[in-house]
Amino acid sequence: MTTKEFLSILQSNPNLPLQFEYQQGSFTRMDYHITEIKNVNYDTVDCGGVRNQWQEVHIQLWENEVPEPHHQVTTTKALDIFEVVEKARATFGEVEIKFEYGNAQFHKAVLPVGGITVHPNQLIVRLGQDQTCCKAKDRAETVEEKAAACCAPAVEAVVEPKVNLAELFVKGDSCTPGGGCC
């Protein structure tokens, strides 16, 4: 989901409590805050030596250590926060939006939108999961290219026969201990 699409859904559903489900059946507390809206620029080089560049928007969700029973983020409040950010700098609109969240029971993670459900009394953003990938393998088109793209099997090393060091000494008097050659 792009930032623009997310904001459009918020605008279409004013004043609804905005809730996030970060894993099935687990929700942010109702008193969470939106603390940052980040334009993120990625500039990477993958294992195939190819440079990759893309952008995302990350929204940081945070829960105060002390619960705030009178604090709640609504769709309208979230839009107000975006407006404050827009006064300082433009937010990328045509890129994927993700949410950064973590608490004592859930490691900090950056999660994509898995779906949004609008109820009469709240809007629930269900966060999905991302997996790592291998861009070099994803770019490959044939089975052979995929096999060679990343982490291809190592070439078998040629095993040399072991040499007994005692066999390297010259027989006879020369260059032996006490032989007088040194």
N, C-alpha and C. Protein backbone atom coordinates (compact mmCIF):
# COMPACT_ATOMS: atom_id res chain seq x y z
N MET A 1 0.85 -1.17 0.00
CA MET A 1 0.00 0.00 0.00
C MET A 1 0.90 1.23 0.00
N THR A 2 0.55 2.20 -0.82
CA THR A 2 1.33 3.44 -0.86
C THR A 2 0.86 4.39 0.24
N THR A 3 1.71 5.37 0.51
CA THR A 3 1.36 6.39 1.49
C THR A 3 0.09 7.12 1.05
N LYS A 4 0.01 7.45 -0.22
CA LYS A 4 -1.15 8.16 -0.77
C LYS A 4 -2.44 7.35 -0.58
N GLU A 5 -2.38 6.04 -0.82
CA GLU A 5 -3.56 5.19 -0.64
C GLU A 5 -3.97 5.14 0.84
N PHE A 6 -2.99 5.04 1.73
CA PHE A 6 -3.27 4.99 3.16
C PHE A 6 -3.96 6.28 3.61
N LEU A 7 -3.42 7.41 3.20
CA LEU A 7 -4.00 8.70 3.59
C LEU A 7 -5.41 8.87 3.03
N SER A 8 -5.65 8.36 1.84
CA SER A 8 -6.98 8.42 1.24
C SER A 8 -8.01 7.65 2.09
N ILE A 9 -7.60 6.50 2.61
CA ILE A 9 -8.49 5.71 3.47
C ILE A 9 -8.78 6.47 4.76
N LEU A 10 -7.75 7.09 5.33
CA LEU A 10 -7.96 7.87 6.55
C LEU A 10 -8.93 9.03 6.27
N GLN A 11 -8.75 9.71 5.16
CA GLN A 11 -9.62 10.85 4.81
C GLN A 11 -11.07 10.41 4.59
N SER A 12 -11.26 9.21 4.07
CA SER A 12 -12.60 8.69 3.80
C SER A 12 -13.32 8.23 5.06
N ASN A 13 -12.58 8.14 6.16
CA ASN A 13 -13.15 7.64 7.42
C ASN A 13 -12.76 8.55 8.59
N PRO A 14 -13.25 9.78 8.60
CA PRO A 14 -12.83 10.74 9.63
C PRO A 14 -13.29 10.35 11.03
N ASN A 15 -12.45 10.72 12.00
CA ASN A 15 -12.74 10.61 13.43
C ASN A 15 -12.92 9.20 13.97
N LEU A 16 -12.50 8.20 13.21
CA LEU A 16 -12.57 6.83 13.74
C LEU A 16 -11.30 6.53 14.54
N PRO A 17 -11.41 5.86 15.68
CA PRO A 17 -10.21 5.40 16.36
C PRO A 17 -9.38 4.54 15.40
N LEU A 18 -8.08 4.79 15.37
CA LEU A 18 -7.17 4.09 14.47
C LEU A 18 -6.37 3.07 15.27
N GLN A 19 -6.54 1.81 14.95
CA GLN A 19 -5.94 0.72 15.71
C GLN A 19 -5.05 -0.12 14.80
N PHE A 20 -3.94 -0.66 15.35
CA PHE A 20 -3.01 -1.49 14.58
C PHE A 20 -2.91 -2.88 15.19
N GLU A 21 -3.10 -3.90 14.36
CA GLU A 21 -2.93 -5.29 14.76
C GLU A 21 -1.55 -5.72 14.23
N TYR A 22 -0.57 -5.86 15.12
CA TYR A 22 0.80 -6.12 14.69
C TYR A 22 1.10 -7.60 14.50
N GLN A 23 0.31 -8.46 15.10
CA GLN A 23 0.31 -9.90 14.80
C GLN A 23 -1.08 -10.39 15.13
N GLN A 24 -1.46 -11.53 14.60
CA GLN A 24 -2.84 -11.97 14.74
C GLN A 24 -3.28 -11.97 16.20
N GLY A 25 -4.32 -11.17 16.48
CA GLY A 25 -4.89 -11.09 17.81
C GLY A 25 -4.17 -10.16 18.77
N SER A 26 -3.08 -9.53 18.33
CA SER A 26 -2.31 -8.61 19.19
C SER A 26 -2.36 -7.21 18.60
N PHE A 27 -2.81 -6.27 19.42
CA PHE A 27 -3.02 -4.90 18.97
C PHE A 27 -2.14 -3.94 19.77
N THR A 28 -1.80 -2.81 19.14
CA THR A 28 -1.16 -1.74 19.89
C THR A 28 -2.14 -1.30 20.98
N ARG A 29 -1.61 -0.78 22.06
CA ARG A 29 -2.50 -0.22 23.08
C ARG A 29 -3.27 0.94 22.46
N MET A 30 -4.44 1.23 22.99
CA MET A 30 -5.26 2.32 22.46
C MET A 30 -4.58 3.68 22.63
N ASP A 31 -3.63 3.80 23.54
CA ASP A 31 -2.99 5.09 23.81
C ASP A 31 -1.62 5.24 23.12
N TYR A 32 -1.38 4.50 22.04
CA TYR A 32 -0.11 4.62 21.32
C TYR A 32 0.01 6.02 20.71
N HIS A 33 1.21 6.36 20.29
CA HIS A 33 1.48 7.64 19.63
C HIS A 33 2.09 7.37 18.25
N ILE A 34 1.90 8.28 17.33
CA ILE A 34 2.67 8.31 16.08
C ILE A 34 3.79 9.30 16.34
N THR A 35 5.02 8.79 16.46
CA THR A 35 6.12 9.64 16.89
C THR A 35 7.02 10.11 15.75
N GLU A 36 7.05 9.41 14.63
CA GLU A 36 7.88 9.82 13.50
C GLU A 36 7.25 9.37 12.20
N ILE A 37 7.44 10.18 11.18
CA ILE A 37 7.09 9.80 9.81
C ILE A 37 8.38 9.96 9.03
N LYS A 38 8.91 8.84 8.58
CA LYS A 38 10.25 8.81 7.98
C LYS A 38 10.17 8.56 6.47
N ASN A 39 10.83 9.42 5.70
CA ASN A 39 11.12 9.12 4.30
C ASN A 39 12.41 8.32 4.31
N VAL A 40 12.38 7.10 3.80
CA VAL A 40 13.54 6.22 3.87
C VAL A 40 14.05 5.97 2.45
N ASN A 41 15.33 6.26 2.24
CA ASN A 41 16.00 5.99 0.97
C ASN A 41 16.92 4.80 1.15
N TYR A 42 16.73 3.77 0.35
CA TYR A 42 17.61 2.60 0.38
C TYR A 42 18.57 2.67 -0.80
N ASP A 43 19.82 2.38 -0.54
CA ASP A 43 20.86 2.33 -1.57
C ASP A 43 21.71 1.13 -1.22
N THR A 44 21.46 0.01 -1.88
CA THR A 44 22.10 -1.24 -1.50
C THR A 44 22.84 -1.85 -2.69
N VAL A 45 23.74 -2.76 -2.39
CA VAL A 45 24.38 -3.59 -3.40
C VAL A 45 24.14 -5.02 -2.98
N ASP A 46 23.55 -5.81 -3.86
CA ASP A 46 23.24 -7.19 -3.48
C ASP A 46 24.42 -8.11 -3.72
N CYS A 47 24.25 -9.38 -3.35
CA CYS A 47 25.34 -10.35 -3.43
C CYS A 47 25.78 -10.64 -4.86
N GLY A 48 24.98 -10.21 -5.84
CA GLY A 48 25.37 -10.36 -7.24
C GLY A 48 26.13 -9.15 -7.75
N GLY A 49 26.37 -8.16 -6.85
CA GLY A 49 27.13 -6.98 -7.21
C GLY A 49 26.31 -5.90 -7.90
N VAL A 50 24.98 -5.99 -7.83
CA VAL A 50 24.11 -5.02 -8.49
C VAL A 50 23.59 -4.02 -7.46
N ARG A 51 23.65 -2.76 -7.83
CA ARG A 51 23.15 -1.68 -6.96
C ARG A 51 21.63 -1.61 -7.09
N ASN A 52 20.95 -1.45 -5.95
CA ASN A 52 19.49 -1.34 -5.91
C ASN A 52 19.14 -0.09 -5.12
N GLN A 53 18.16 0.67 -5.60
CA GLN A 53 17.72 1.86 -4.91
C GLN A 53 16.19 1.90 -4.90
N TRP A 54 15.61 2.23 -3.75
CA TRP A 54 14.17 2.42 -3.65
C TRP A 54 13.86 3.26 -2.42
N GLN A 55 12.61 3.65 -2.31
CA GLN A 55 12.17 4.49 -1.19
C GLN A 55 10.96 3.86 -0.53
N GLU A 56 10.80 4.14 0.76
CA GLU A 56 9.63 3.74 1.53
C GLU A 56 9.32 4.85 2.52
N VAL A 57 8.14 4.82 3.09
CA VAL A 57 7.78 5.69 4.21
C VAL A 57 7.54 4.78 5.41
N HIS A 58 8.18 5.11 6.53
CA HIS A 58 8.01 4.35 7.77
C HIS A 58 7.34 5.24 8.80
N ILE A 59 6.26 4.74 9.38
CA ILE A 59 5.55 5.44 10.45
C ILE A 59 5.89 4.73 11.75
N GLN A 60 6.45 5.47 12.69
CA GLN A 60 6.82 4.86 13.97
C GLN A 60 5.66 4.97 14.95
N LEU A 61 5.26 3.83 15.49
CA LEU A 61 4.21 3.75 16.52
C LEU A 61 4.90 3.46 17.85
N TRP A 62 4.50 4.21 18.88
CA TRP A 62 5.18 4.09 20.17
C TRP A 62 4.15 4.11 21.30
N GLU A 63 4.42 3.29 22.32
CA GLU A 63 3.58 3.26 23.52
C GLU A 63 4.39 3.79 24.69
N ASN A 64 3.85 4.79 25.37
CA ASN A 64 4.49 5.35 26.55
C ASN A 64 4.57 4.26 27.62
N GLU A 65 5.63 4.30 28.42
CA GLU A 65 5.75 3.31 29.52
C GLU A 65 4.60 3.43 30.50
N VAL A 66 4.12 4.65 30.70
CA VAL A 66 2.99 4.89 31.60
C VAL A 66 1.74 5.01 30.73
N PRO A 67 0.77 4.11 30.88
CA PRO A 67 -0.44 4.20 30.06
C PRO A 67 -1.13 5.56 30.20
N GLU A 68 -1.69 6.02 29.10
CA GLU A 68 -2.37 7.32 29.04
C GLU A 68 -3.84 7.07 28.66
N PRO A 69 -4.70 6.84 29.64
CA PRO A 69 -6.08 6.43 29.36
C PRO A 69 -6.90 7.46 28.58
N HIS A 70 -6.45 8.72 28.55
CA HIS A 70 -7.23 9.74 27.84
C HIS A 70 -6.63 10.10 26.48
N HIS A 71 -5.63 9.32 26.05
CA HIS A 71 -4.99 9.58 24.75
C HIS A 71 -5.45 8.52 23.75
N GLN A 72 -5.79 8.97 22.55
CA GLN A 72 -6.17 8.03 21.49
C GLN A 72 -5.92 8.68 20.14
N VAL A 73 -5.35 7.91 19.22
CA VAL A 73 -5.13 8.40 17.86
C VAL A 73 -6.33 8.00 17.02
N THR A 74 -6.93 9.00 16.41
CA THR A 74 -8.03 8.76 15.47
C THR A 74 -7.49 8.96 14.05
N THR A 75 -8.29 8.61 13.08
CA THR A 75 -7.90 8.83 11.69
C THR A 75 -7.63 10.31 11.45
N THR A 76 -8.44 11.18 12.04
CA THR A 76 -8.26 12.62 11.87
C THR A 76 -6.98 13.09 12.56
N LYS A 77 -6.68 12.59 13.74
CA LYS A 77 -5.44 12.94 14.44
C LYS A 77 -4.23 12.50 13.63
N ALA A 78 -4.28 11.31 13.04
CA ALA A 78 -3.17 10.82 12.21
C ALA A 78 -2.96 11.76 11.01
N LEU A 79 -4.05 12.19 10.39
CA LEU A 79 -3.94 13.13 9.27
C LEU A 79 -3.34 14.46 9.73
N ASP A 80 -3.70 14.90 10.93
CA ASP A 80 -3.13 16.13 11.48
C ASP A 80 -1.61 16.01 11.66
N ILE A 81 -1.16 14.84 12.09
CA ILE A 81 0.27 14.60 12.26
C ILE A 81 0.97 14.65 10.90
N PHE A 82 0.38 14.03 9.90
CA PHE A 82 0.93 14.10 8.54
C PHE A 82 1.02 15.54 8.06
N GLU A 83 0.02 16.35 8.39
CA GLU A 83 0.01 17.75 7.99
C GLU A 83 1.17 18.51 8.64
N VAL A 84 1.43 18.26 9.91
CA VAL A 84 2.56 18.88 10.60
C VAL A 84 3.87 18.51 9.90
N VAL A 85 4.01 17.25 9.56
CA VAL A 85 5.23 16.78 8.88
C VAL A 85 5.36 17.45 7.52
N GLU A 86 4.25 17.55 6.80
CA GLU A 86 4.28 18.16 5.45
C GLU A 86 4.75 19.60 5.49
N LYS A 87 4.53 20.30 6.59
CA LYS A 87 5.01 21.69 6.72
C LYS A 87 6.53 21.73 6.82
N ALA A 88 7.13 20.67 7.36
CA ALA A 88 8.58 20.61 7.49
C ALA A 88 9.24 20.05 6.23
N ARG A 89 8.62 19.06 5.61
CA ARG A 89 9.11 18.46 4.36
C ARG A 89 8.04 17.56 3.79
N ALA A 90 8.08 17.35 2.48
CA ALA A 90 7.09 16.50 1.81
C ALA A 90 7.34 15.03 2.16
N THR A 91 6.27 14.30 2.31
CA THR A 91 6.35 12.85 2.54
C THR A 91 6.17 12.14 1.20
N PHE A 92 6.99 11.12 0.96
CA PHE A 92 6.86 10.36 -0.28
C PHE A 92 5.45 9.78 -0.37
N GLY A 93 4.73 10.08 -1.44
CA GLY A 93 3.36 9.62 -1.57
C GLY A 93 3.18 8.35 -2.38
N GLU A 94 4.03 8.14 -3.36
CA GLU A 94 3.85 7.03 -4.30
C GLU A 94 4.70 5.82 -3.96
N VAL A 95 5.11 5.71 -2.71
CA VAL A 95 5.96 4.59 -2.29
C VAL A 95 5.25 3.77 -1.22
N GLU A 96 5.76 2.57 -0.97
CA GLU A 96 5.15 1.70 0.03
C GLU A 96 5.27 2.31 1.42
N ILE A 97 4.19 2.22 2.17
CA ILE A 97 4.18 2.68 3.56
C ILE A 97 4.31 1.46 4.47
N LYS A 98 5.14 1.60 5.50
CA LYS A 98 5.33 0.53 6.48
C LYS A 98 5.27 1.14 7.87
N PHE A 99 5.03 0.28 8.86
CA PHE A 99 4.89 0.75 10.23
C PHE A 99 5.94 0.09 11.11
N GLU A 100 6.64 0.92 11.87
CA GLU A 100 7.68 0.47 12.79
C GLU A 100 7.05 0.39 14.18
N TYR A 101 7.16 -0.80 14.77
CA TYR A 101 6.52 -1.00 16.08
C TYR A 101 7.29 -2.05 16.86
N GLY A 102 7.27 -1.91 18.17
CA GLY A 102 7.82 -2.91 19.06
C GLY A 102 7.39 -2.60 20.48
N ASN A 103 7.26 -3.62 21.29
CA ASN A 103 6.95 -3.45 22.71
C ASN A 103 7.64 -4.56 23.49
N ALA A 104 7.37 -4.68 24.76
CA ALA A 104 8.06 -5.68 25.59
C ALA A 104 7.77 -7.12 25.15
N GLN A 105 6.66 -7.35 24.48
CA GLN A 105 6.29 -8.70 24.04
C GLN A 105 6.59 -8.95 22.56
N PHE A 106 6.98 -7.92 21.83
CA PHE A 106 7.16 -8.03 20.37
C PHE A 106 8.39 -7.23 19.96
N HIS A 107 9.32 -7.91 19.30
CA HIS A 107 10.55 -7.23 18.86
C HIS A 107 10.24 -6.08 17.90
N LYS A 108 11.08 -5.07 17.91
CA LYS A 108 10.88 -3.95 17.00
C LYS A 108 11.00 -4.46 15.57
N ALA A 109 10.04 -4.09 14.74
CA ALA A 109 10.04 -4.53 13.36
C ALA A 109 9.40 -3.45 12.49
N VAL A 110 9.73 -3.48 11.23
CA VAL A 110 9.11 -2.60 10.24
C VAL A 110 8.20 -3.50 9.40
N LEU A 111 6.88 -3.24 9.49
CA LEU A 111 5.88 -4.15 8.93
C LEU A 111 5.05 -3.47 7.85
N PRO A 112 4.79 -4.18 6.76
CA PRO A 112 3.93 -3.62 5.72
C PRO A 112 2.46 -3.73 6.11
N VAL A 113 1.62 -3.05 5.38
CA VAL A 113 0.17 -3.16 5.60
C VAL A 113 -0.30 -4.47 4.98
N GLY A 114 -0.95 -5.29 5.80
CA GLY A 114 -1.50 -6.55 5.32
C GLY A 114 -2.95 -6.41 4.90
N GLY A 115 -3.62 -5.39 5.43
CA GLY A 115 -5.02 -5.13 5.10
C GLY A 115 -5.59 -4.09 6.06
N ILE A 116 -6.69 -3.52 5.64
CA ILE A 116 -7.38 -2.52 6.47
C ILE A 116 -8.85 -2.90 6.53
N THR A 117 -9.40 -2.87 7.74
CA THR A 117 -10.81 -3.16 7.93
C THR A 117 -11.46 -1.95 8.58
N VAL A 118 -12.53 -1.48 7.96
CA VAL A 118 -13.27 -0.34 8.51
C VAL A 118 -14.50 -0.88 9.22
N HIS A 119 -14.60 -0.62 10.51
CA HIS A 119 -15.76 -0.98 11.32
C HIS A 119 -16.51 0.31 11.64
N PRO A 120 -17.77 0.23 12.04
CA PRO A 120 -18.51 1.45 12.39
C PRO A 120 -17.85 2.24 13.53
N ASN A 121 -17.13 1.54 14.42
CA ASN A 121 -16.56 2.22 15.59
C ASN A 121 -15.04 2.33 15.59
N GLN A 122 -14.35 1.82 14.55
CA GLN A 122 -12.89 1.94 14.47
C GLN A 122 -12.38 1.49 13.11
N LEU A 123 -11.14 1.91 12.81
CA LEU A 123 -10.45 1.47 11.60
C LEU A 123 -9.25 0.65 12.07
N ILE A 124 -9.14 -0.58 11.61
CA ILE A 124 -8.06 -1.47 12.03
C ILE A 124 -7.11 -1.68 10.85
N VAL A 125 -5.84 -1.37 11.09
CA VAL A 125 -4.78 -1.63 10.12
C VAL A 125 -4.11 -2.92 10.56
N ARG A 126 -4.25 -3.94 9.75
CA ARG A 126 -3.62 -5.24 10.03
C ARG A 126 -2.25 -5.22 9.38
N LEU A 127 -1.21 -5.32 10.20
CA LEU A 127 0.15 -5.30 9.68
C LEU A 127 0.55 -6.70 9.23
N GLY A 128 1.27 -6.75 8.13
CA GLY A 128 1.69 -8.03 7.57
C GLY A 128 3.12 -8.35 7.97
N GLN A 129 3.69 -9.29 7.26
CA GLN A 129 5.07 -9.69 7.52
C GLN A 129 5.86 -9.57 6.23
N ASP A 130 7.11 -9.23 6.36
CA ASP A 130 8.04 -9.22 5.24
C ASP A 130 9.01 -10.36 5.44
N GLN A 131 9.56 -10.84 4.35
CA GLN A 131 10.63 -11.83 4.44
C GLN A 131 11.83 -11.28 3.70
N THR A 132 12.99 -11.74 4.08
CA THR A 132 14.17 -11.35 3.34
C THR A 132 14.15 -12.06 1.99
N CYS A 133 14.90 -11.53 1.05
CA CYS A 133 14.95 -12.14 -0.27
C CYS A 133 16.37 -12.03 -0.81
N CYS A 134 16.62 -12.69 -1.90
CA CYS A 134 17.90 -12.60 -2.60
C CYS A 134 17.59 -11.98 -3.95
N LYS A 135 17.94 -10.70 -4.11
CA LYS A 135 17.64 -10.01 -5.36
C LYS A 135 18.35 -10.65 -6.55
N ALA A 136 19.58 -11.13 -6.33
CA ALA A 136 20.33 -11.77 -7.41
C ALA A 136 19.58 -13.00 -7.92
N LYS A 137 19.06 -13.80 -7.01
CA LYS A 137 18.28 -14.99 -7.39
C LYS A 137 16.95 -14.58 -8.04
N ASP A 138 16.32 -13.53 -7.49
CA ASP A 138 15.04 -13.07 -8.04
C ASP A 138 15.20 -12.54 -9.47
N ARG A 139 16.35 -11.94 -9.78
CA ARG A 139 16.60 -11.43 -11.13
C ARG A 139 16.85 -12.54 -12.13
N ALA A 140 17.40 -13.66 -11.67
CA ALA A 140 17.76 -14.77 -12.56
C ALA A 140 16.51 -15.34 -13.23
N GLU A 141 16.68 -15.76 -14.48
CA GLU A 141 15.53 -16.26 -15.24
C GLU A 141 15.55 -17.77 -15.43
N THR A 142 16.71 -18.36 -15.56
CA THR A 142 16.78 -19.81 -15.79
C THR A 142 17.21 -20.51 -14.51
N VAL A 143 17.02 -21.82 -14.48
CA VAL A 143 17.43 -22.62 -13.33
C VAL A 143 18.93 -22.50 -13.13
N GLU A 144 19.69 -22.50 -14.24
CA GLU A 144 21.14 -22.40 -14.15
C GLU A 144 21.56 -21.04 -13.57
N GLU A 145 20.89 -19.96 -14.04
CA GLU A 145 21.20 -18.62 -13.52
C GLU A 145 20.87 -18.53 -12.02
N LYS A 146 19.73 -19.11 -11.63
CA LYS A 146 19.35 -19.08 -10.22
C LYS A 146 20.38 -19.83 -9.37
N ALA A 147 20.86 -20.96 -9.88
CA ALA A 147 21.83 -21.76 -9.13
C ALA A 147 23.15 -21.01 -8.96
N ALA A 148 23.53 -20.21 -9.96
CA ALA A 148 24.81 -19.50 -9.90
C ALA A 148 24.67 -18.11 -9.29
N ALA A 149 23.44 -17.63 -9.10
CA ALA A 149 23.22 -16.24 -8.69
C ALA A 149 23.69 -15.94 -7.28
N CYS A 150 23.42 -16.82 -6.37
CA CYS A 150 23.72 -16.53 -4.97
C CYS A 150 23.96 -17.83 -4.23
N CYS A 151 24.98 -17.80 -3.43
CA CYS A 151 25.26 -18.95 -2.57
C CYS A 151 25.31 -20.26 -3.35
N ALA A 152 25.89 -20.22 -4.54
CA ALA A 152 26.01 -21.44 -5.33
C ALA A 152 26.88 -22.43 -4.58
N PRO A 153 26.69 -23.72 -4.84
CA PRO A 153 27.52 -24.71 -4.13
C PRO A 153 29.00 -24.45 -4.38
N ALA A 154 29.81 -24.61 -3.38
CA ALA A 154 31.24 -24.41 -3.50
C ALA A 154 31.83 -25.47 -4.41
N VAL A 155 32.85 -25.09 -5.18
CA VAL A 155 33.54 -26.06 -6.02
C VAL A 155 34.32 -26.97 -5.09
N GLU A 156 34.25 -28.27 -5.38
CA GLU A 156 34.95 -29.22 -4.51
C GLU A 156 36.44 -29.01 -4.61
N ALA A 157 37.09 -28.94 -3.48
CA ALA A 157 38.54 -28.76 -3.44
C ALA A 157 39.21 -30.08 -3.77
N VAL A 158 40.35 -30.00 -4.47
CA VAL A 158 41.12 -31.20 -4.77
C VAL A 158 41.89 -31.54 -3.50
N VAL A 159 41.74 -32.76 -3.06
CA VAL A 159 42.40 -33.19 -1.84
C VAL A 159 43.75 -33.79 -2.20
N GLU A 160 44.81 -33.16 -1.73
CA GLU A 160 46.17 -33.66 -1.95
C GLU A 160 46.45 -34.77 -0.94
N PRO A 161 47.21 -35.76 -1.34
CA PRO A 161 47.55 -36.81 -0.37
C PRO A 161 48.41 -36.23 0.75
N LYS A 162 48.24 -36.75 1.92
CA LYS A 162 49.02 -36.29 3.07
C LYS A 162 50.46 -36.80 2.93
N VAL A 163 51.37 -35.95 3.35
CA VAL A 163 52.79 -36.31 3.28
C VAL A 163 53.30 -36.52 4.70
N ASN A 164 54.03 -37.59 4.88
CA ASN A 164 54.66 -37.87 6.16
C ASN A 164 55.94 -37.05 6.22
N LEU A 165 56.06 -36.13 7.18
CA LEU A 165 57.22 -35.26 7.27
C LEU A 165 58.52 -36.04 7.46
N ALA A 166 58.46 -37.19 8.09
CA ALA A 166 59.67 -38.01 8.30
C ALA A 166 60.26 -38.45 6.97
N GLU A 167 59.42 -38.59 5.95
CA GLU A 167 59.90 -39.03 4.63
C GLU A 167 60.63 -37.90 3.91
N LEU A 168 60.51 -36.67 4.36
CA LEU A 168 61.15 -35.55 3.69
C LEU A 168 62.64 -35.43 4.06
N PHE A 169 63.06 -36.05 5.17
CA PHE A 169 64.46 -35.99 5.55
C PHE A 169 65.30 -36.81 4.59
N VAL A 170 66.46 -36.28 4.28
CA VAL A 170 67.38 -36.98 3.38
C VAL A 170 68.05 -38.12 4.16
N LYS A 171 68.12 -39.25 3.53
CA LYS A 171 68.76 -40.42 4.15
C LYS A 171 70.29 -40.24 4.15
N GLY A 172 70.93 -40.79 5.09
CA GLY A 172 72.39 -40.73 5.15
C GLY A 172 72.84 -39.66 6.13
N ASP A 173 74.14 -39.27 5.99
CA ASP A 173 74.75 -38.35 6.95
C ASP A 173 74.38 -36.89 6.72
N SER A 174 74.09 -36.51 5.49
CA SER A 174 73.93 -35.09 5.21
C SER A 174 72.65 -34.54 5.81
N CYS A 175 72.78 -33.38 6.41
CA CYS A 175 71.68 -32.60 6.97
C CYS A 175 70.81 -33.37 7.93
N THR A 176 71.44 -34.14 8.77
CA THR A 176 70.72 -34.80 9.85
C THR A 176 71.30 -34.28 11.15
N PRO A 177 70.57 -34.34 12.20
CA PRO A 177 71.15 -33.89 13.45
C PRO A 177 72.46 -34.60 13.73
N GLY A 178 73.48 -33.81 14.00
CA GLY A 178 74.81 -34.39 14.25
C GLY A 178 75.57 -34.71 12.99
N GLY A 179 75.00 -34.48 11.81
CA GLY A 179 75.64 -34.82 10.55
C GLY A 179 76.67 -33.81 10.10
N GLY A 180 76.72 -32.65 10.75
CA GLY A 180 77.75 -31.67 10.46
C GLY A 180 77.46 -30.78 9.26
N CYS A 181 76.31 -30.84 8.69
CA CYS A 181 76.04 -30.00 7.50
C CYS A 181 75.70 -28.57 7.87
N CYS A 182 75.30 -28.31 9.06
CA CYS A 182 74.89 -26.96 9.44
C CYS A 182 75.91 -26.30 10.31
